[in-house]
Amino acid sequence: ELHPESEIDSRLIRAAVTVERDGLLAVRVAGLATLLGSAAEE
């Protein structure tokens, strides 16, 4: 929705999702931002 022009491999997106303590799930956006040429926090 946000970046229709880009195609990121779903395996890379899955790799950005990590399981933290107590079953908390986190999406580490920095790697995805690099692929899209965006700032991570943005």
PDB file of all heavy atoms in Angstrom:
ATOM      1  N   GLU A   1       0.832  -1.207   0.000  1.00  0.00           N
ATOM      2  CA  GLU A   1       0.000   0.000   0.000  1.00  0.00           C
ATOM      3  C   GLU A   1       0.866   1.257   0.000  1.00  0.00           C
ATOM      4  O   GLU A   1       0.579   2.217  -0.696  1.00  0.00           O
ATOM      5  CB  GLU A   1      -0.927   0.014   1.222  1.00  0.00           C
ATOM      6  CG  GLU A   1      -2.059  -0.971   1.168  1.00  0.00           C
ATOM      7  CD  GLU A   1      -3.104  -0.607   0.128  1.00  0.00           C
ATOM      8  OE1 GLU A   1      -3.434   0.596  -0.002  1.00  0.00           O
ATOM      9  OE2 GLU A   1      -3.583  -1.524  -0.556  1.00  0.00           O
ATOM     10  N   LEU A   2       1.897   1.248   0.827  1.00  0.00           N
ATOM     11  CA  LEU A   2       2.751   2.422   0.992  1.00  0.00           C
ATOM     12  C   LEU A   2       3.720   2.644  -0.165  1.00  0.00           C
ATOM     13  O   LEU A   2       4.015   3.776  -0.531  1.00  0.00           O
ATOM     14  CB  LEU A   2       3.545   2.301   2.300  1.00  0.00           C
ATOM     15  CG  LEU A   2       2.734   2.348   3.584  1.00  0.00           C
ATOM     16  CD1 LEU A   2       3.594   1.928   4.764  1.00  0.00           C
ATOM     17  CD2 LEU A   2       2.163   3.743   3.791  1.00  0.00           C
ATOM     18  N   HIS A   3       4.256   1.548  -0.707  1.00  0.00           N
ATOM     19  CA  HIS A   3       5.270   1.624  -1.764  1.00  0.00           C
ATOM     20  C   HIS A   3       4.922   0.648  -2.890  1.00  0.00           C
ATOM     21  O   HIS A   3       5.600  -0.370  -3.074  1.00  0.00           O
ATOM     22  CB  HIS A   3       6.662   1.297  -1.192  1.00  0.00           C
ATOM     23  CG  HIS A   3       7.110   2.255  -0.153  1.00  0.00           C
ATOM     24  ND1 HIS A   3       7.729   3.446  -0.470  1.00  0.00           N
ATOM     25  CD2 HIS A   3       7.012   2.231   1.196  1.00  0.00           C
ATOM     26  CE1 HIS A   3       7.998   4.102   0.643  1.00  0.00           C
ATOM     27  NE2 HIS A   3       7.575   3.380   1.666  1.00  0.00           N
ATOM     28  N   PRO A   4       3.866   0.962  -3.653  1.00  0.00           N
ATOM     29  CA  PRO A   4       3.429   0.022  -4.694  1.00  0.00           C
ATOM     30  C   PRO A   4       4.460  -0.200  -5.800  1.00  0.00           C
ATOM     31  O   PRO A   4       4.444  -1.229  -6.466  1.00  0.00           O
ATOM     32  CB  PRO A   4       2.154   0.674  -5.257  1.00  0.00           C
ATOM     33  CG  PRO A   4       2.205   2.091  -4.843  1.00  0.00           C
ATOM     34  CD  PRO A   4       3.038   2.157  -3.599  1.00  0.00           C
ATOM     35  N   GLU A   5       5.381   0.741  -5.953  1.00  0.00           N
ATOM     36  CA  GLU A   5       6.386   0.625  -7.010  1.00  0.00           C
ATOM     37  C   GLU A   5       7.501  -0.354  -6.665  1.00  0.00           C
ATOM     38  O   GLU A   5       8.237  -0.796  -7.535  1.00  0.00           O
ATOM     39  CB  GLU A   5       6.985   2.004  -7.327  1.00  0.00           C
ATOM     40  CG  GLU A   5       7.939   2.550  -6.266  1.00  0.00           C
ATOM     41  CD  GLU A   5       7.285   3.036  -4.970  1.00  0.00           C
ATOM     42  OE1 GLU A   5       6.051   3.149  -4.918  1.00  0.00           O
ATOM     43  OE2 GLU A   5       8.033   3.291  -4.013  1.00  0.00           O
ATOM     44  N   SER A   6       7.647  -0.677  -5.400  1.00  0.00           N
ATOM     45  CA  SER A   6       8.747  -1.558  -4.999  1.00  0.00           C
ATOM     46  C   SER A   6       8.261  -2.985  -4.793  1.00  0.00           C
ATOM     47  O   SER A   6       7.103  -3.219  -4.477  1.00  0.00           O
ATOM     48  CB  SER A   6       9.400  -1.048  -3.722  1.00  0.00           C
ATOM     49  OG  SER A   6       8.473  -1.132  -2.676  1.00  0.00           O
ATOM     50  N   GLU A   7       9.174  -3.900  -4.998  1.00  0.00           N
ATOM     51  CA  GLU A   7       8.868  -5.313  -4.785  1.00  0.00           C
ATOM     52  C   GLU A   7       9.912  -5.887  -3.833  1.00  0.00           C
ATOM     53  O   GLU A   7      11.053  -6.105  -4.229  1.00  0.00           O
ATOM     54  CB  GLU A   7       8.872  -6.069  -6.105  1.00  0.00           C
ATOM     55  CG  GLU A   7       7.749  -5.652  -7.028  1.00  0.00           C
ATOM     56  CD  GLU A   7       7.684  -6.511  -8.269  1.00  0.00           C
ATOM     57  OE1 GLU A   7       8.176  -7.652  -8.251  1.00  0.00           O
ATOM     58  OE2 GLU A   7       7.128  -6.018  -9.251  1.00  0.00           O
ATOM     59  N   ILE A   8       9.493  -6.113  -2.616  1.00  0.00           N
ATOM     60  CA  ILE A   8      10.386  -6.710  -1.621  1.00  0.00           C
ATOM     61  C   ILE A   8      10.022  -8.175  -1.483  1.00  0.00           C
ATOM     62  O   ILE A   8       8.846  -8.515  -1.329  1.00  0.00           O
ATOM     63  CB  ILE A   8      10.265  -6.006  -0.255  1.00  0.00           C
ATOM     64  CG1 ILE A   8      10.715  -4.551  -0.380  1.00  0.00           C
ATOM     65  CG2 ILE A   8      11.082  -6.714   0.799  1.00  0.00           C
ATOM     66  CD1 ILE A   8      10.621  -3.773   0.904  1.00  0.00           C
ATOM     67  N   ASP A   9      10.998  -9.011  -1.531  1.00  0.00           N
ATOM     68  CA  ASP A   9      10.803 -10.453  -1.383  1.00  0.00           C
ATOM     69  C   ASP A   9      10.153 -10.739  -0.027  1.00  0.00           C
ATOM     70  O   ASP A   9      10.605 -10.241   1.005  1.00  0.00           O
ATOM     71  CB  ASP A   9      12.159 -11.149  -1.483  1.00  0.00           C
ATOM     72  CG  ASP A   9      12.051 -12.652  -1.552  1.00  0.00           C
ATOM     73  OD1 ASP A   9      11.102 -13.223  -0.997  1.00  0.00           O
ATOM     74  OD2 ASP A   9      12.939 -13.259  -2.171  1.00  0.00           O
ATOM     75  N   SER A  10       9.116 -11.546  -0.037  1.00  0.00           N
ATOM     76  CA  SER A  10       8.396 -11.859   1.202  1.00  0.00           C
ATOM     77  C   SER A  10       9.301 -12.555   2.228  1.00  0.00           C
ATOM     78  O   SER A  10       9.074 -12.434   3.429  1.00  0.00           O
ATOM     79  CB  SER A  10       7.167 -12.719   0.911  1.00  0.00           C
ATOM     80  OG  SER A  10       7.546 -13.923   0.283  1.00  0.00           O
ATOM     81  N   ARG A  11      10.339 -13.239   1.764  1.00  0.00           N
ATOM     82  CA  ARG A  11      11.267 -13.886   2.698  1.00  0.00           C
ATOM     83  C   ARG A  11      12.064 -12.851   3.491  1.00  0.00           C
ATOM     84  O   ARG A  11      12.399 -13.060   4.653  1.00  0.00           O
ATOM     85  CB  ARG A  11      12.209 -14.828   1.963  1.00  0.00           C
ATOM     86  CG  ARG A  11      11.477 -16.061   1.392  1.00  0.00           C
ATOM     87  CD  ARG A  11      12.377 -16.862   0.536  1.00  0.00           C
ATOM     88  NE  ARG A  11      12.671 -16.059  -0.664  1.00  0.00           N
ATOM     89  CZ  ARG A  11      13.266 -16.511  -1.741  1.00  0.00           C
ATOM     90  NH1 ARG A  11      13.689 -17.745  -1.778  1.00  0.00           N
ATOM     91  NH2 ARG A  11      13.477 -15.737  -2.781  1.00  0.00           N
ATOM     92  N   LEU A  12      12.354 -11.700   2.860  1.00  0.00           N
ATOM     93  CA  LEU A  12      13.061 -10.630   3.563  1.00  0.00           C
ATOM     94  C   LEU A  12      12.157  -9.982   4.611  1.00  0.00           C
ATOM     95  O   LEU A  12      12.614  -9.622   5.695  1.00  0.00           O
ATOM     96  CB  LEU A  12      13.564  -9.579   2.572  1.00  0.00           C
ATOM     97  CG  LEU A  12      14.609 -10.072   1.579  1.00  0.00           C
ATOM     98  CD1 LEU A  12      14.921  -8.989   0.562  1.00  0.00           C
ATOM     99  CD2 LEU A  12      15.864 -10.517   2.298  1.00  0.00           C
ATOM    100  N   ILE A  13      10.888  -9.854   4.261  1.00  0.00           N
ATOM    101  CA  ILE A  13       9.938  -9.301   5.240  1.00  0.00           C
ATOM    102  C   ILE A  13       9.807 -10.264   6.409  1.00  0.00           C
ATOM    103  O   ILE A  13       9.833  -9.856   7.567  1.00  0.00           O
ATOM    104  CB  ILE A  13       8.571  -9.031   4.577  1.00  0.00           C
ATOM    105  CG1 ILE A  13       8.729  -7.939   3.515  1.00  0.00           C
ATOM    106  CG2 ILE A  13       7.537  -8.637   5.626  1.00  0.00           C
ATOM    107  CD1 ILE A  13       7.524  -7.737   2.642  1.00  0.00           C
ATOM    108  N   ARG A  14       9.688 -11.552   6.120  1.00  0.00           N
ATOM    109  CA  ARG A  14       9.568 -12.549   7.192  1.00  0.00           C
ATOM    110  C   ARG A  14      10.809 -12.538   8.076  1.00  0.00           C
ATOM    111  O   ARG A  14      10.726 -12.677   9.301  1.00  0.00           O
ATOM    112  CB  ARG A  14       9.340 -13.931   6.587  1.00  0.00           C
ATOM    113  CG  ARG A  14       9.315 -15.093   7.561  1.00  0.00           C
ATOM    114  CD  ARG A  14       8.266 -14.904   8.648  1.00  0.00           C
ATOM    115  NE  ARG A  14       8.378 -15.914   9.663  1.00  0.00           N
ATOM    116  CZ  ARG A  14       9.207 -15.872  10.705  1.00  0.00           C
ATOM    117  NH1 ARG A  14      10.024 -14.851  10.885  1.00  0.00           N
ATOM    118  NH2 ARG A  14       9.211 -16.837  11.592  1.00  0.00           N
ATOM    119  N   ALA A  15      11.977 -12.335   7.484  1.00  0.00           N
ATOM    120  CA  ALA A  15      13.221 -12.292   8.264  1.00  0.00           C
ATOM    121  C   ALA A  15      13.268 -11.077   9.187  1.00  0.00           C
ATOM    122  O   ALA A  15      13.957 -11.108  10.209  1.00  0.00           O
ATOM    123  CB  ALA A  15      14.425 -12.286   7.326  1.00  0.00           C
ATOM    124  N   ALA A  16      12.529 -10.022   8.851  1.00  0.00           N
ATOM    125  CA  ALA A  16      12.499  -8.816   9.689  1.00  0.00           C
ATOM    126  C   ALA A  16      11.624  -8.993  10.930  1.00  0.00           C
ATOM    127  O   ALA A  16      11.689  -8.198  11.857  1.00  0.00           O
ATOM    128  CB  ALA A  16      12.005  -7.626   8.875  1.00  0.00           C
ATOM    129  N   VAL A  17      10.805 -10.044  10.941  1.00  0.00           N
ATOM    130  CA  VAL A  17       9.921 -10.314  12.090  1.00  0.00           C
ATOM    131  C   VAL A  17      10.639 -11.256  13.046  1.00  0.00           C
ATOM    132  O   VAL A  17      11.028 -12.360  12.664  1.00  0.00           O
ATOM    133  CB  VAL A  17       8.582 -10.932  11.635  1.00  0.00           C
ATOM    134  CG1 VAL A  17       7.683 -11.225  12.833  1.00  0.00           C
ATOM    135  CG2 VAL A  17       7.876 -10.031  10.636  1.00  0.00           C
ATOM    136  N   THR A  18      10.823 -10.807  14.269  1.00  0.00           N
ATOM    137  CA  THR A  18      11.518 -11.628  15.264  1.00  0.00           C
ATOM    138  C   THR A  18      10.608 -11.904  16.451  1.00  0.00           C
ATOM    139  O   THR A  18       9.710 -11.123  16.756  1.00  0.00           O
ATOM    140  CB  THR A  18      12.795 -10.916  15.766  1.00  0.00           C
ATOM    141  OG1 THR A  18      12.430  -9.667  16.363  1.00  0.00           O
ATOM    142  CG2 THR A  18      13.768 -10.675  14.634  1.00  0.00           C
ATOM    143  N   VAL A  19      10.871 -13.017  17.108  1.00  0.00           N
ATOM    144  CA  VAL A  19      10.142 -13.369  18.323  1.00  0.00           C
ATOM    145  C   VAL A  19      10.985 -12.913  19.507  1.00  0.00           C
ATOM    146  O   VAL A  19      12.145 -13.303  19.636  1.00  0.00           O
ATOM    147  CB  VAL A  19       9.875 -14.885  18.400  1.00  0.00           C
ATOM    148  CG1 VAL A  19       9.137 -15.237  19.678  1.00  0.00           C
ATOM    149  CG2 VAL A  19       9.102 -15.356  17.176  1.00  0.00           C
ATOM    150  N   GLU A  20      10.400 -12.078  20.332  1.00  0.00           N
ATOM    151  CA  GLU A  20      11.085 -11.540  21.501  1.00  0.00           C
ATOM    152  C   GLU A  20      10.645 -12.318  22.747  1.00  0.00           C
ATOM    153  O   GLU A  20       9.923 -13.297  22.647  1.00  0.00           O
ATOM    154  CB  GLU A  20      10.753 -10.053  21.656  1.00  0.00           C
ATOM    155  CG  GLU A  20      11.051  -9.225  20.424  1.00  0.00           C
ATOM    156  CD  GLU A  20      12.517  -9.060  20.155  1.00  0.00           C
ATOM    157  OE1 GLU A  20      13.252  -8.707  21.094  1.00  0.00           O
ATOM    158  OE2 GLU A  20      12.933  -9.265  19.005  1.00  0.00           O
ATOM    159  N   ARG A  21      11.028 -11.821  23.872  1.00  0.00           N
ATOM    160  CA  ARG A  21      10.650 -12.464  25.136  1.00  0.00           C
ATOM    161  C   ARG A  21       9.134 -12.489  25.313  1.00  0.00           C
ATOM    162  O   ARG A  21       8.429 -11.653  24.789  1.00  0.00           O
ATOM    163  CB  ARG A  21      11.309 -11.732  26.305  1.00  0.00           C
ATOM    164  CG  ARG A  21      10.762 -10.320  26.457  1.00  0.00           C
ATOM    165  CD  ARG A  21      11.574  -9.463  27.361  1.00  0.00           C
ATOM    166  NE  ARG A  21      11.048  -8.167  27.627  1.00  0.00           N
ATOM    167  CZ  ARG A  21      10.538  -7.298  26.786  1.00  0.00           C
ATOM    168  NH1 ARG A  21      10.383  -7.619  25.536  1.00  0.00           N
ATOM    169  NH2 ARG A  21      10.133  -6.107  27.159  1.00  0.00           N
ATOM    170  N   ASP A  22       8.658 -13.442  26.029  1.00  0.00           N
ATOM    171  CA  ASP A  22       7.234 -13.575  26.372  1.00  0.00           C
ATOM    172  C   ASP A  22       6.311 -13.572  25.163  1.00  0.00           C
ATOM    173  O   ASP A  22       5.187 -13.089  25.241  1.00  0.00           O
ATOM    174  CB  ASP A  22       6.808 -12.457  27.346  1.00  0.00           C
ATOM    175  CG  ASP A  22       7.603 -12.497  28.637  1.00  0.00           C
ATOM    176  OD1 ASP A  22       7.976 -13.606  29.063  1.00  0.00           O
ATOM    177  OD2 ASP A  22       7.848 -11.426  29.208  1.00  0.00           O
ATOM    178  N   GLY A  23       6.789 -14.064  24.034  1.00  0.00           N
ATOM    179  CA  GLY A  23       5.945 -14.156  22.849  1.00  0.00           C
ATOM    180  C   GLY A  23       5.707 -12.842  22.137  1.00  0.00           C
ATOM    181  O   GLY A  23       4.929 -12.781  21.192  1.00  0.00           O
ATOM    182  N   LEU A  24       6.368 -11.785  22.563  1.00  0.00           N
ATOM    183  CA  LEU A  24       6.259 -10.491  21.900  1.00  0.00           C
ATOM    184  C   LEU A  24       6.900 -10.605  20.518  1.00  0.00           C
ATOM    185  O   LEU A  24       7.980 -11.164  20.381  1.00  0.00           O
ATOM    186  CB  LEU A  24       6.984  -9.442  22.746  1.00  0.00           C
ATOM    187  CG  LEU A  24       6.912  -7.993  22.327  1.00  0.00           C
ATOM    188  CD1 LEU A  24       5.497  -7.459  22.536  1.00  0.00           C
ATOM    189  CD2 LEU A  24       7.882  -7.171  23.160  1.00  0.00           C
ATOM    190  N   LEU A  25       6.211 -10.106  19.502  1.00  0.00           N
ATOM    191  CA  LEU A  25       6.749 -10.143  18.149  1.00  0.00           C
ATOM    192  C   LEU A  25       7.182  -8.750  17.739  1.00  0.00           C
ATOM    193  O   LEU A  25       6.509  -7.769  18.045  1.00  0.00           O
ATOM    194  CB  LEU A  25       5.696 -10.668  17.174  1.00  0.00           C
ATOM    195  CG  LEU A  25       5.271 -12.118  17.417  1.00  0.00           C
ATOM    196  CD1 LEU A  25       4.054 -12.460  16.583  1.00  0.00           C
ATOM    197  CD2 LEU A  25       6.402 -13.053  17.090  1.00  0.00           C
ATOM    198  N   ALA A  26       8.306  -8.654  17.059  1.00  0.00           N
ATOM    199  CA  ALA A  26       8.846  -7.356  16.656  1.00  0.00           C
ATOM    200  C   ALA A  26       9.147  -7.362  15.167  1.00  0.00           C
ATOM    201  O   ALA A  26       9.578  -8.366  14.612  1.00  0.00           O
ATOM    202  CB  ALA A  26      10.120  -7.060  17.434  1.00  0.00           C
ATOM    203  N   VAL A  27       8.898  -6.215  14.537  1.00  0.00           N
ATOM    204  CA  VAL A  27       9.278  -6.013  13.141  1.00  0.00           C
ATOM    205  C   VAL A  27      10.426  -5.021  13.151  1.00  0.00           C
ATOM    206  O   VAL A  27      10.249  -3.854  13.525  1.00  0.00           O
ATOM    207  CB  VAL A  27       8.105  -5.464  12.299  1.00  0.00           C
ATOM    208  CG1 VAL A  27       8.540  -5.277  10.859  1.00  0.00           C
ATOM    209  CG2 VAL A  27       6.901  -6.377  12.388  1.00  0.00           C
ATOM    210  N   ARG A  28      11.604  -5.484  12.782  1.00  0.00           N
ATOM    211  CA  ARG A  28      12.800  -4.633  12.699  1.00  0.00           C
ATOM    212  C   ARG A  28      12.805  -3.986  11.317  1.00  0.00           C
ATOM    213  O   ARG A  28      13.062  -4.643  10.312  1.00  0.00           O
ATOM    214  CB  ARG A  28      14.064  -5.456  12.905  1.00  0.00           C
ATOM    215  CG  ARG A  28      14.060  -6.305  14.160  1.00  0.00           C
ATOM    216  CD  ARG A  28      14.199  -5.463  15.391  1.00  0.00           C
ATOM    217  NE  ARG A  28      14.133  -6.312  16.581  1.00  0.00           N
ATOM    218  CZ  ARG A  28      14.086  -5.833  17.779  1.00  0.00           C
ATOM    219  NH1 ARG A  28      14.104  -4.534  17.976  1.00  0.00           N
ATOM    220  NH2 ARG A  28      14.014  -6.635  18.806  1.00  0.00           N
ATOM    221  N   VAL A  29      12.492  -2.716  11.274  1.00  0.00           N
ATOM    222  CA  VAL A  29      12.233  -2.025  10.013  1.00  0.00           C
ATOM    223  C   VAL A  29      13.504  -1.562   9.301  1.00  0.00           C
ATOM    224  O   VAL A  29      13.492  -1.334   8.100  1.00  0.00           O
ATOM    225  CB  VAL A  29      11.267  -0.841  10.267  1.00  0.00           C
ATOM    226  CG1 VAL A  29      10.981  -0.081   9.000  1.00  0.00           C
ATOM    227  CG2 VAL A  29       9.973  -1.359  10.878  1.00  0.00           C
ATOM    228  N   ALA A  30      14.618  -1.463   9.982  1.00  0.00           N
ATOM    229  CA  ALA A  30      15.839  -0.890   9.395  1.00  0.00           C
ATOM    230  C   ALA A  30      16.245  -1.559   8.084  1.00  0.00           C
ATOM    231  O   ALA A  30      16.563  -0.878   7.108  1.00  0.00           O
ATOM    232  CB  ALA A  30      16.983  -0.952  10.406  1.00  0.00           C
ATOM    233  N   GLY A  31      16.262  -2.874   8.041  1.00  0.00           N
ATOM    234  CA  GLY A  31      16.652  -3.583   6.823  1.00  0.00           C
ATOM    235  C   GLY A  31      15.696  -3.335   5.669  1.00  0.00           C
ATOM    236  O   GLY A  31      16.106  -3.175   4.522  1.00  0.00           O
ATOM    237  N   LEU A  32      14.413  -3.286   5.974  1.00  0.00           N
ATOM    238  CA  LEU A  32      13.416  -3.023   4.942  1.00  0.00           C
ATOM    239  C   LEU A  32      13.567  -1.596   4.422  1.00  0.00           C
ATOM    240  O   LEU A  32      13.434  -1.341   3.227  1.00  0.00           O
ATOM    241  CB  LEU A  32      12.001  -3.240   5.494  1.00  0.00           C
ATOM    242  CG  LEU A  32      11.691  -4.644   6.011  1.00  0.00           C
ATOM    243  CD1 LEU A  32      10.313  -4.677   6.666  1.00  0.00           C
ATOM    244  CD2 LEU A  32      11.787  -5.658   4.893  1.00  0.00           C
ATOM    245  N   ALA A  33      13.845  -0.670   5.329  1.00  0.00           N
ATOM    246  CA  ALA A  33      14.028   0.735   4.937  1.00  0.00           C
ATOM    247  C   ALA A  33      15.213   0.883   3.991  1.00  0.00           C
ATOM    248  O   ALA A  33      15.149   1.644   3.017  1.00  0.00           O
ATOM    249  CB  ALA A  33      14.211   1.605   6.179  1.00  0.00           C
ATOM    250  N   THR A  34      16.277   0.157   4.253  1.00  0.00           N
ATOM    251  CA  THR A  34      17.457   0.201   3.385  1.00  0.00           C
ATOM    252  C   THR A  34      17.093  -0.256   1.973  1.00  0.00           C
ATOM    253  O   THR A  34      17.489   0.376   0.995  1.00  0.00           O
ATOM    254  CB  THR A  34      18.584  -0.689   3.956  1.00  0.00           C
ATOM    255  OG1 THR A  34      18.917  -0.211   5.259  1.00  0.00           O
ATOM    256  CG2 THR A  34      19.805  -0.662   3.075  1.00  0.00           C
ATOM    257  N   LEU A  35      16.320  -1.318   1.874  1.00  0.00           N
ATOM    258  CA  LEU A  35      15.900  -1.822   0.559  1.00  0.00           C
ATOM    259  C   LEU A  35      15.023  -0.830  -0.187  1.00  0.00           C
ATOM    260  O   LEU A  35      15.055  -0.755  -1.414  1.00  0.00           O
ATOM    261  CB  LEU A  35      15.142  -3.146   0.718  1.00  0.00           C
ATOM    262  CG  LEU A  35      15.952  -4.327   1.219  1.00  0.00           C
ATOM    263  CD1 LEU A  35      15.034  -5.499   1.534  1.00  0.00           C
ATOM    264  CD2 LEU A  35      16.999  -4.725   0.193  1.00  0.00           C
ATOM    265  N   LEU A  36      14.234  -0.054   0.563  1.00  0.00           N
ATOM    266  CA  LEU A  36      13.327   0.918  -0.055  1.00  0.00           C
ATOM    267  C   LEU A  36      13.949   2.301  -0.211  1.00  0.00           C
ATOM    268  O   LEU A  36      13.331   3.201  -0.777  1.00  0.00           O
ATOM    269  CB  LEU A  36      12.046   1.038   0.779  1.00  0.00           C
ATOM    270  CG  LEU A  36      11.150  -0.188   0.798  1.00  0.00           C
ATOM    271  CD1 LEU A  36      10.056  -0.043   1.844  1.00  0.00           C
ATOM    272  CD2 LEU A  36      10.538  -0.410  -0.579  1.00  0.00           C
ATOM    273  N   GLY A  37      15.146   2.486   0.340  1.00  0.00           N
ATOM    274  CA  GLY A  37      15.798   3.784   0.268  1.00  0.00           C
ATOM    275  C   GLY A  37      15.140   4.818   1.165  1.00  0.00           C
ATOM    276  O   GLY A  37      15.126   6.000   0.853  1.00  0.00           O
ATOM    277  N   SER A  38      14.576   4.364   2.296  1.00  0.00           N
ATOM    278  CA  SER A  38      13.906   5.257   3.246  1.00  0.00           C
ATOM    279  C   SER A  38      14.673   5.292   4.554  1.00  0.00           C
ATOM    280  O   SER A  38      15.455   4.395   4.847  1.00  0.00           O
ATOM    281  CB  SER A  38      12.488   4.751   3.546  1.00  0.00           C
ATOM    282  OG  SER A  38      11.698   4.728   2.401  1.00  0.00           O
ATOM    283  N   ALA A  39      14.385   6.307   5.349  1.00  0.00           N
ATOM    284  CA  ALA A  39      14.922   6.353   6.707  1.00  0.00           C
ATOM    285  C   ALA A  39      14.134   5.349   7.548  1.00  0.00           C
ATOM    286  O   ALA A  39      12.914   5.230   7.401  1.00  0.00           O
ATOM    287  CB  ALA A  39      14.781   7.753   7.281  1.00  0.00           C
ATOM    288  N   ALA A  40      14.826   4.611   8.415  1.00  0.00           N
ATOM    289  CA  ALA A  40      14.198   3.542   9.186  1.00  0.00           C
ATOM    290  C   ALA A  40      13.032   4.040  10.046  1.00  0.00           C
ATOM    291  O   ALA A  40      11.960   3.446  10.044  1.00  0.00           O
ATOM    292  CB  ALA A  40      15.237   2.835  10.054  1.00  0.00           C
ATOM    293  N   GLU A  41      13.252   5.121  10.788  1.00  0.00           N
ATOM    294  CA  GLU A  41      12.187   5.605  11.672  1.00  0.00           C
ATOM    295  C   GLU A  41      11.005   6.151  10.881  1.00  0.00           C
ATOM    296  O   GLU A  41       9.864   6.011  11.299  1.00  0.00           O
ATOM    297  CB  GLU A  41      12.724   6.633  12.662  1.00  0.00           C
ATOM    298  CG  GLU A  41      13.569   5.966  13.737  1.00  0.00           C
ATOM    299  CD  GLU A  41      13.861   6.863  14.917  1.00  0.00           C
ATOM    300  OE1 GLU A  41      13.207   7.909  15.080  1.00  0.00           O
ATOM    301  OE2 GLU A  41      14.754   6.493  15.695  1.00  0.00           O
ATOM    302  N   GLU A  42      11.265   6.748   9.732  1.00  0.00           N
ATOM    303  CA  GLU A  42      10.180   7.258   8.887  1.00  0.00           C
ATOM    304  C   GLU A  42       9.334   6.098   8.359  1.00  0.00           C
ATOM    305  O   GLU A  42       8.103   6.139   8.400  1.00  0.00           O
ATOM    306  CB  GLU A  42      10.753   8.059   7.726  1.00  0.00           C
ATOM    307  CG  GLU A  42       9.702   8.621   6.796  1.00  0.00           C
ATOM    308  CD  GLU A  42      10.311   9.356   5.617  1.00  0.00           C
ATOM    309  OE1 GLU A  42      11.422   9.897   5.747  1.00  0.00           O
ATOM    310  OE2 GLU A  42       9.670   9.380   4.556  1.00  0.00           O
TER     311      GLU A  42
END
